[in-house]
Each structure stands twice: as C-alpha cells, then as structure tokens.
Amino acid sequence: MQYRFPDNNIATAKTVASGGHTYPAGYLAWRASETEGDWISRLAAIGVAPVRHEQPAGYDAATQTKGDPVGALDEAGWWAVTWPDVADRPDAVEIVRAAKLAEIRDAADAYLAAAGAEYGAMERATWDQQYDEAMAYQAGTGASVPLLTAIATARGMDVSELADRIISNRAAWVALSGAVVGQRLAYQDALDAAQTVADIRAIGVSYA
C-alpha cells in the first residue's frame, strides 16, 4: 500500500509528523472498524492520502506510450495516479518514435534468439569454423578438418554426412536471419517516413 504524504512524496507507510504529534506507520492502516470514508478522513486530517494507480482510459499498451505519471485527489479522497497518453506532450513524436524503434529492434533480436535458443554462445562461436571445414571437405581438397572430425566422432556420424548437415543448416540460418533483417529494415523505413504519432503507432511489428 502506498500513500501520498504532506511533502508530496509517494511511499509505503512511514511515520508522519503533523500538528505537533508523531503518528507511527501503523496509524495509516485501514482499521476493520472503519468505513473507507472514515479511514480516508482520518488520514486527510494529518495530510496523508491513500494512493491507487489507474490505467489511462482507453489505454492500449500495444499502440500507446505512457507519459509521465500525474496524480490528483479523486472524489473519494484517494490520490489517483495515472499516465496520460504521451501524445499530449509537445515532444510526443520523438518519444513515440524512440519507443517504436526499440520495439522494432528488440522484437527482431527476440525472434532470432528464440530461433537459435538450442545453441549456446560457446557453440555458436564454432559455427564459422564448422562451415569453413565443411566447405573444404566437400571441395575434396584433402584439407584438415579437425573440428568436424571431433564432432562426427562424438556423434558416431560420418564426416561427409556432418558436412552436408552443417552446410544445409548454414543456408537455412542465412535465409532466416536475412528475412528478419530485411523485415527490420522495412519497419525502420516505415518509421523514418512516419511524421505523426498516429502514423508511428500504426506500424505493426511482427516477425515471421
């Protein structure tokens, strides 16, 4: 539970000094014998109001960006904290653009991270060497392929079959990552062209 105190700070229950008296944090609690109105009146007498957080009316987290929180006493005596639509601010376009840019970037990263979740960072560090050795093996140059040999031996697999799989997987990853990067850049182009808050919010971000 949070309260708004006489110094305008919002915090959990704490000692309050008012009218030459000191009231312990426990004094702020709503007593079972009190109505809500009586409790709020008792707190108001020492300059304190209970706080509740309200989602802005009609707020859509998928398309809107919250502005700075604002608070005011409601009719019941609660200090109601809400977040007006940031579109009401003079710098709204810059704020919404920055939020959309982060959404575009982070969604692309998350999609690729999920696609490669099977592999750890240390294993990914070997991918380039695996591919180079696989290409050299298929070229029939007789080049040494120590990494492929070690992997194939551990898996009980022929080096030839492993090389084929590595090259196939590499092609699939290139196609997938290229598609995601291309989509990200297309979203970026749309964002660069957008001039209003509505235009920016209309850019739906979904990678596939």
C-alpha atoms as a PDB file:
ATOM      1  CA  MET A   1       0.000   0.000   0.000  1.00  0.00           C
ATOM      2  CA  GLN A   2       1.290   3.451  -0.887  1.00  0.00           C
ATOM      3  CA  TYR A   3       0.387   6.842   0.489  1.00  0.00           C
ATOM      4  CA  ARG A   4       0.885  10.430  -0.564  1.00  0.00           C
ATOM      5  CA  PHE A   5       2.492  12.345   2.290  1.00  0.00           C
ATOM      6  CA  PRO A   6       2.421  16.055   3.182  1.00  0.00           C
ATOM      7  CA  ASP A   7       5.764  16.579   1.405  1.00  0.00           C
ATOM      8  CA  ASN A   8       4.112  15.296  -1.831  1.00  0.00           C
ATOM      9  CA  ASN A   9       6.215  12.139  -1.850  1.00  0.00           C
ATOM     10  CA  ILE A  10       4.553   8.806  -2.532  1.00  0.00           C
ATOM     11  CA  ALA A  11       5.798   5.875  -0.458  1.00  0.00           C
ATOM     12  CA  THR A  12       4.750   2.948   1.682  1.00  0.00           C
ATOM     13  CA  ALA A  13       3.605   3.564   5.268  1.00  0.00           C
ATOM     14  CA  LYS A  14       6.001   5.571   7.422  1.00  0.00           C
ATOM     15  CA  THR A  15       5.979   7.815  10.482  1.00  0.00           C
ATOM     16  CA  VAL A  16       4.139  11.114   9.962  1.00  0.00           C
ATOM     17  CA  ALA A  17       4.593  14.320  11.925  1.00  0.00           C
ATOM     18  CA  SER A  18       1.522  16.567  11.937  1.00  0.00           C
ATOM     19  CA  GLY A  19       0.130  19.222  14.260  1.00  0.00           C
ATOM     20  CA  GLY A  20       2.857  18.700  16.834  1.00  0.00           C
ATOM     21  CA  HIS A  21       2.191  14.957  17.019  1.00  0.00           C
ATOM     22  CA  THR A  22       4.027  11.987  15.587  1.00  0.00           C
ATOM     23  CA  TYR A  23       1.943   9.185  14.124  1.00  0.00           C
ATOM     24  CA  PRO A  24       3.554   5.758  13.644  1.00  0.00           C
ATOM     25  CA  ALA A  25       3.403   3.992  10.301  1.00  0.00           C
ATOM     26  CA  GLY A  26       0.788   1.597  11.666  1.00  0.00           C
ATOM     27  CA  TYR A  27      -1.593   4.511  12.205  1.00  0.00           C
ATOM     28  CA  LEU A  28      -2.112   4.725   8.447  1.00  0.00           C
ATOM     29  CA  ALA A  29      -3.627   1.248   8.136  1.00  0.00           C
ATOM     30  CA  TRP A  30      -7.321   0.845   7.383  1.00  0.00           C
ATOM     31  CA  ARG A  31      -8.954  -0.429  10.544  1.00  0.00           C
ATOM     32  CA  ALA A  32     -11.571  -3.161  10.422  1.00  0.00           C
ATOM     33  CA  SER A  33     -13.977  -0.959  12.397  1.00  0.00           C
ATOM     34  CA  GLU A  34     -13.741   1.916   9.883  1.00  0.00           C
ATOM     35  CA  THR A  35     -15.606   2.617   6.712  1.00  0.00           C
ATOM     36  CA  GLU A  36     -13.472   3.628   3.762  1.00  0.00           C
ATOM     37  CA  GLY A  37     -14.669   7.199   4.138  1.00  0.00           C
ATOM     38  CA  ASP A  38     -13.772   7.315   7.841  1.00  0.00           C
ATOM     39  CA  TRP A  39     -10.296   5.910   7.122  1.00  0.00           C
ATOM     40  CA  ILE A  40      -9.629   8.432   4.366  1.00  0.00           C
ATOM     41  CA  SER A  41     -10.882  11.286   6.556  1.00  0.00           C
ATOM     42  CA  ARG A  42      -8.583  10.207   9.378  1.00  0.00           C
ATOM     43  CA  LEU A  43      -5.608  10.201   7.026  1.00  0.00           C
ATOM     44  CA  ALA A  44      -6.607  13.518   5.440  1.00  0.00           C
ATOM     45  CA  ALA A  45      -6.533  15.126   8.904  1.00  0.00           C
ATOM     46  CA  ILE A  46      -2.769  14.549   9.015  1.00  0.00           C
ATOM     47  CA  GLY A  47      -2.175  15.435   5.350  1.00  0.00           C
ATOM     48  CA  VAL A  48      -1.997  11.874   4.021  1.00  0.00           C
ATOM     49  CA  ALA A  49      -3.985  10.211   1.238  1.00  0.00           C
ATOM     50  CA  PRO A  50      -4.029   6.575   0.136  1.00  0.00           C
ATOM     51  CA  VAL A  51      -2.739   6.016  -3.385  1.00  0.00           C
ATOM     52  CA  ARG A  52      -4.128   3.953  -6.207  1.00  0.00           C
ATOM     53  CA  HIS A  53      -2.785   3.582  -9.719  1.00  0.00           C
ATOM     54  CA  GLU A  54      -5.199   3.800 -12.612  1.00  0.00           C
ATOM     55  CA  GLN A  55      -4.588   2.782 -16.205  1.00  0.00           C
ATOM     56  CA  PRO A  56      -5.429   5.655 -18.544  1.00  0.00           C
ATOM     57  CA  ALA A  57      -8.913   5.419 -20.009  1.00  0.00           C
ATOM     58  CA  GLY A  58      -8.745   3.644 -23.339  1.00  0.00           C
ATOM     59  CA  TYR A  59      -5.041   2.961 -22.955  1.00  0.00           C
ATOM     60  CA  ASP A  60      -3.700   0.285 -25.287  1.00  0.00           C
ATOM     61  CA  ALA A  61      -0.225  -0.921 -24.316  1.00  0.00           C
ATOM     62  CA  ALA A  62       0.308  -2.330 -27.798  1.00  0.00           C
ATOM     63  CA  THR A  63      -0.026   1.018 -29.539  1.00  0.00           C
ATOM     64  CA  GLN A  64       0.427   3.757 -26.952  1.00  0.00           C
ATOM     65  CA  THR A  65       3.265   5.064 -24.828  1.00  0.00           C
ATOM     66  CA  LYS A  66       2.624   6.338 -21.317  1.00  0.00           C
ATOM     67  CA  GLY A  67       3.577   9.873 -20.452  1.00  0.00           C
ATOM     68  CA  ASP A  68       4.900  10.966 -17.081  1.00  0.00           C
ATOM     69  CA  PRO A  69       2.611   9.930 -14.205  1.00  0.00           C
ATOM     70  CA  VAL A  70       0.283  12.550 -12.767  1.00  0.00           C
ATOM     71  CA  GLY A  71      -1.810  12.411  -9.623  1.00  0.00           C
ATOM     72  CA  ALA A  72      -4.828  14.136  -8.140  1.00  0.00           C
ATOM     73  CA  LEU A  73      -7.349  13.570  -5.376  1.00  0.00           C
ATOM     74  CA  ASP A  74     -10.448  11.842  -6.642  1.00  0.00           C
ATOM     75  CA  GLU A  75     -13.937  12.347  -5.232  1.00  0.00           C
ATOM     76  CA  ALA A  76     -13.452   9.596  -2.663  1.00  0.00           C
ATOM     77  CA  GLY A  77     -10.239  11.127  -1.304  1.00  0.00           C
ATOM     78  CA  TRP A  78      -7.791   8.714  -2.922  1.00  0.00           C
ATOM     79  CA  TRP A  79      -4.675  10.097  -4.583  1.00  0.00           C
ATOM     80  CA  ALA A  80      -5.209   8.651  -8.054  1.00  0.00           C
ATOM     81  CA  VAL A  81      -2.057   8.260 -10.134  1.00  0.00           C
ATOM     82  CA  THR A  82      -2.448   7.816 -13.859  1.00  0.00           C
ATOM     83  CA  TRP A  83      -0.384   8.157 -17.019  1.00  0.00           C
ATOM     84  CA  PRO A  84      -1.789  10.422 -19.700  1.00  0.00           C
ATOM     85  CA  ASP A  85      -1.224   9.444 -23.296  1.00  0.00           C
ATOM     86  CA  VAL A  86       2.200  10.764 -24.211  1.00  0.00           C
ATOM     87  CA  ALA A  87       0.634  12.057 -27.439  1.00  0.00           C
ATOM     88  CA  ASP A  88      -0.490  15.089 -25.441  1.00  0.00           C
ATOM     89  CA  ARG A  89       3.118  16.210 -24.972  1.00  0.00           C
ATOM     90  CA  PRO A  90       4.822  18.599 -27.403  1.00  0.00           C
ATOM     91  CA  ASP A  91       7.687  16.131 -27.882  1.00  0.00           C
ATOM     92  CA  ALA A  92       5.303  13.230 -28.451  1.00  0.00           C
ATOM     93  CA  VAL A  93       6.589  12.299 -31.916  1.00  0.00           C
ATOM     94  CA  GLU A  94      10.171  11.930 -30.661  1.00  0.00           C
ATOM     95  CA  ILE A  95       9.083   9.859 -27.639  1.00  0.00           C
ATOM     96  CA  VAL A  96       6.799   7.552 -29.618  1.00  0.00           C
ATOM     97  CA  ARG A  97       9.401   7.198 -32.382  1.00  0.00           C
ATOM     98  CA  ALA A  98      12.058   6.130 -29.873  1.00  0.00           C
ATOM     99  CA  ALA A  99       9.669   3.599 -28.320  1.00  0.00           C
ATOM    100  CA  LYS A 100       8.765   2.153 -31.718  1.00  0.00           C
ATOM    101  CA  LEU A 101      12.428   1.943 -32.722  1.00  0.00           C
ATOM    102  CA  ALA A 102      13.164  -0.065 -29.585  1.00  0.00           C
ATOM    103  CA  GLU A 103      10.167  -2.302 -30.280  1.00  0.00           C
ATOM    104  CA  ILE A 104      11.359  -2.978 -33.847  1.00  0.00           C
ATOM    105  CA  ARG A 105      14.906  -3.753 -32.742  1.00  0.00           C
ATOM    106  CA  ASP A 106      14.052  -5.797 -29.672  1.00  0.00           C
ATOM    107  CA  ALA A 107      11.427  -7.883 -31.458  1.00  0.00           C
ATOM    108  CA  ALA A 108      13.936  -8.805 -34.168  1.00  0.00           C
ATOM    109  CA  ASP A 109      16.538  -9.770 -31.594  1.00  0.00           C
ATOM    110  CA  ALA A 110      14.000 -11.824 -29.657  1.00  0.00           C
ATOM    111  CA  TYR A 111      12.841 -13.665 -32.775  1.00  0.00           C
ATOM    112  CA  LEU A 112      16.363 -14.645 -33.794  1.00  0.00           C
ATOM    113  CA  ALA A 113      17.307 -15.513 -30.215  1.00  0.00           C
ATOM    114  CA  ALA A 114      14.313 -17.854 -29.996  1.00  0.00           C
ATOM    115  CA  ALA A 115      15.224 -19.469 -33.306  1.00  0.00           C
ATOM    116  CA  GLY A 116      18.727 -20.176 -32.043  1.00  0.00           C
ATOM    117  CA  ALA A 117      17.821 -20.965 -28.440  1.00  0.00           C
ATOM    118  CA  GLU A 118      19.032 -24.553 -28.832  1.00  0.00           C
ATOM    119  CA  TYR A 119      22.622 -23.384 -29.182  1.00  0.00           C
ATOM    120  CA  GLY A 120      24.839 -21.856 -26.523  1.00  0.00           C
ATOM    121  CA  ALA A 121      27.195 -18.951 -27.084  1.00  0.00           C
ATOM    122  CA  MET A 122      30.278 -21.141 -26.984  1.00  0.00           C
ATOM    123  CA  GLU A 123      28.889 -23.479 -29.630  1.00  0.00           C
ATOM    124  CA  ARG A 124      27.869 -20.554 -31.840  1.00  0.00           C
ATOM    125  CA  ALA A 125      31.481 -19.395 -31.687  1.00  0.00           C
ATOM    126  CA  THR A 126      32.433 -22.537 -33.640  1.00  0.00           C
ATOM    127  CA  TRP A 127      29.904 -22.077 -36.436  1.00  0.00           C
ATOM    128  CA  ASP A 128      32.207 -20.243 -38.823  1.00  0.00           C
ATOM    129  CA  GLN A 129      34.936 -22.846 -38.399  1.00  0.00           C
ATOM    130  CA  GLN A 130      32.405 -25.664 -38.831  1.00  0.00           C
ATOM    131  CA  TYR A 131      31.185 -24.106 -42.077  1.00  0.00           C
ATOM    132  CA  ASP A 132      34.688 -23.448 -43.415  1.00  0.00           C
ATOM    133  CA  GLU A 133      35.736 -27.013 -42.685  1.00  0.00           C
ATOM    134  CA  ALA A 134      32.522 -28.403 -44.204  1.00  0.00           C
ATOM    135  CA  MET A 135      33.089 -26.442 -47.418  1.00  0.00           C
ATOM    136  CA  ALA A 136      36.727 -27.533 -47.551  1.00  0.00           C
ATOM    137  CA  TYR A 137      35.742 -31.170 -47.014  1.00  0.00           C
ATOM    138  CA  GLN A 138      33.152 -31.070 -49.784  1.00  0.00           C
ATOM    139  CA  ALA A 139      35.656 -29.418 -52.113  1.00  0.00           C
ATOM    140  CA  GLY A 140      37.744 -32.570 -51.834  1.00  0.00           C
ATOM    141  CA  THR A 141      40.994 -30.724 -51.261  1.00  0.00           C
ATOM    142  CA  GLY A 142      42.099 -33.078 -48.511  1.00  0.00           C
ATOM    143  CA  ALA A 143      42.287 -30.177 -46.086  1.00  0.00           C
ATOM    144  CA  SER A 144      42.432 -30.969 -42.383  1.00  0.00           C
ATOM    145  CA  VAL A 145      39.027 -30.761 -40.696  1.00  0.00           C
ATOM    146  CA  PRO A 146      39.778 -31.319 -37.002  1.00  0.00           C
ATOM    147  CA  LEU A 147      36.587 -29.760 -35.645  1.00  0.00           C
ATOM    148  CA  LEU A 148      34.311 -31.738 -37.966  1.00  0.00           C
ATOM    149  CA  THR A 149      36.232 -34.895 -37.235  1.00  0.00           C
ATOM    150  CA  ALA A 150      35.848 -34.420 -33.484  1.00  0.00           C
ATOM    151  CA  ILE A 151      32.136 -33.656 -33.767  1.00  0.00           C
ATOM    152  CA  ALA A 152      31.441 -36.525 -36.136  1.00  0.00           C
ATOM    153  CA  THR A 153      33.363 -38.984 -33.957  1.00  0.00           C
ATOM    154  CA  ALA A 154      31.442 -37.938 -30.838  1.00  0.00           C
ATOM    155  CA  ARG A 155      28.133 -38.321 -32.682  1.00  0.00           C
ATOM    156  CA  GLY A 156      29.018 -41.608 -34.363  1.00  0.00           C
ATOM    157  CA  MET A 157      28.487 -39.982 -37.753  1.00  0.00           C
ATOM    158  CA  ASP A 158      30.420 -39.853 -40.996  1.00  0.00           C
ATOM    159  CA  VAL A 159      32.249 -36.595 -41.587  1.00  0.00           C
ATOM    160  CA  SER A 160      30.622 -36.437 -45.019  1.00  0.00           C
ATOM    161  CA  GLU A 161      27.106 -36.522 -43.554  1.00  0.00           C
ATOM    162  CA  LEU A 162      28.032 -33.954 -40.912  1.00  0.00           C
ATOM    163  CA  ALA A 163      29.456 -31.605 -43.541  1.00  0.00           C
ATOM    164  CA  ASP A 164      26.221 -31.854 -45.535  1.00  0.00           C
ATOM    165  CA  ARG A 165      24.148 -31.022 -42.461  1.00  0.00           C
ATOM    166  CA  ILE A 166      26.333 -28.068 -41.493  1.00  0.00           C
ATOM    167  CA  ILE A 167      26.100 -26.544 -44.961  1.00  0.00           C
ATOM    168  CA  SER A 168      22.332 -27.111 -45.042  1.00  0.00           C
ATOM    169  CA  ASN A 169      21.887 -25.573 -41.589  1.00  0.00           C
ATOM    170  CA  ARG A 170      24.027 -22.608 -42.556  1.00  0.00           C
ATOM    171  CA  ALA A 171      21.865 -21.976 -45.626  1.00  0.00           C
ATOM    172  CA  ALA A 172      18.688 -22.189 -43.513  1.00  0.00           C
ATOM    173  CA  TRP A 173      20.075 -19.769 -40.918  1.00  0.00           C
ATOM    174  CA  VAL A 174      21.213 -17.303 -43.573  1.00  0.00           C
ATOM    175  CA  ALA A 175      17.734 -17.371 -45.116  1.00  0.00           C
ATOM    176  CA  LEU A 176      16.007 -16.899 -41.768  1.00  0.00           C
ATOM    177  CA  SER A 177      18.271 -14.167 -40.427  1.00  0.00           C
ATOM    178  CA  GLY A 178      18.244 -12.398 -43.790  1.00  0.00           C
ATOM    179  CA  ALA A 179      14.446 -12.368 -43.798  1.00  0.00           C
ATOM    180  CA  VAL A 180      14.322 -10.962 -40.275  1.00  0.00           C
ATOM    181  CA  VAL A 181      16.926  -8.299 -41.003  1.00  0.00           C
ATOM    182  CA  GLY A 182      15.029  -7.366 -44.159  1.00  0.00           C
ATOM    183  CA  GLN A 183      11.777  -7.040 -42.206  1.00  0.00           C
ATOM    184  CA  ARG A 184      13.504  -4.959 -39.549  1.00  0.00           C
ATOM    185  CA  LEU A 185      14.856  -2.588 -42.170  1.00  0.00           C
ATOM    186  CA  ALA A 186      11.419  -2.341 -43.797  1.00  0.00           C
ATOM    187  CA  TYR A 187       9.916  -1.386 -40.441  1.00  0.00           C
ATOM    188  CA  GLN A 188      12.747   1.110 -39.994  1.00  0.00           C
ATOM    189  CA  ASP A 189      11.973   2.624 -43.406  1.00  0.00           C
ATOM    190  CA  ALA A 190       8.319   2.962 -42.431  1.00  0.00           C
ATOM    191  CA  LEU A 191       9.304   4.563 -39.136  1.00  0.00           C
ATOM    192  CA  ASP A 192      11.612   7.024 -40.877  1.00  0.00           C
ATOM    193  CA  ALA A 193       8.766   8.019 -43.194  1.00  0.00           C
ATOM    194  CA  ALA A 194       6.197   8.413 -40.403  1.00  0.00           C
ATOM    195  CA  GLN A 195       5.596  12.013 -39.407  1.00  0.00           C
ATOM    196  CA  THR A 196       2.845  11.834 -36.778  1.00  0.00           C
ATOM    197  CA  VAL A 197       2.150   9.893 -33.601  1.00  0.00           C
ATOM    198  CA  ALA A 198      -0.739   8.139 -35.361  1.00  0.00           C
ATOM    199  CA  ASP A 199       1.495   7.138 -38.274  1.00  0.00           C
ATOM    200  CA  ILE A 200       4.110   5.707 -35.942  1.00  0.00           C
ATOM    201  CA  ARG A 201       1.595   3.794 -33.834  1.00  0.00           C
ATOM    202  CA  ALA A 202       0.064   2.334 -36.990  1.00  0.00           C
ATOM    203  CA  ILE A 203       3.299   0.427 -37.685  1.00  0.00           C
ATOM    204  CA  GLY A 204       2.579  -3.100 -36.504  1.00  0.00           C
ATOM    205  CA  VAL A 205       5.690  -5.103 -35.707  1.00  0.00           C
ATOM    206  CA  SER A 206       5.577  -8.872 -36.202  1.00  0.00           C
ATOM    207  CA  TYR A 207       8.415 -11.060 -37.466  1.00  0.00           C
ATOM    208  CA  ALA A 208       7.835 -14.318 -39.272  1.00  0.00           C
END
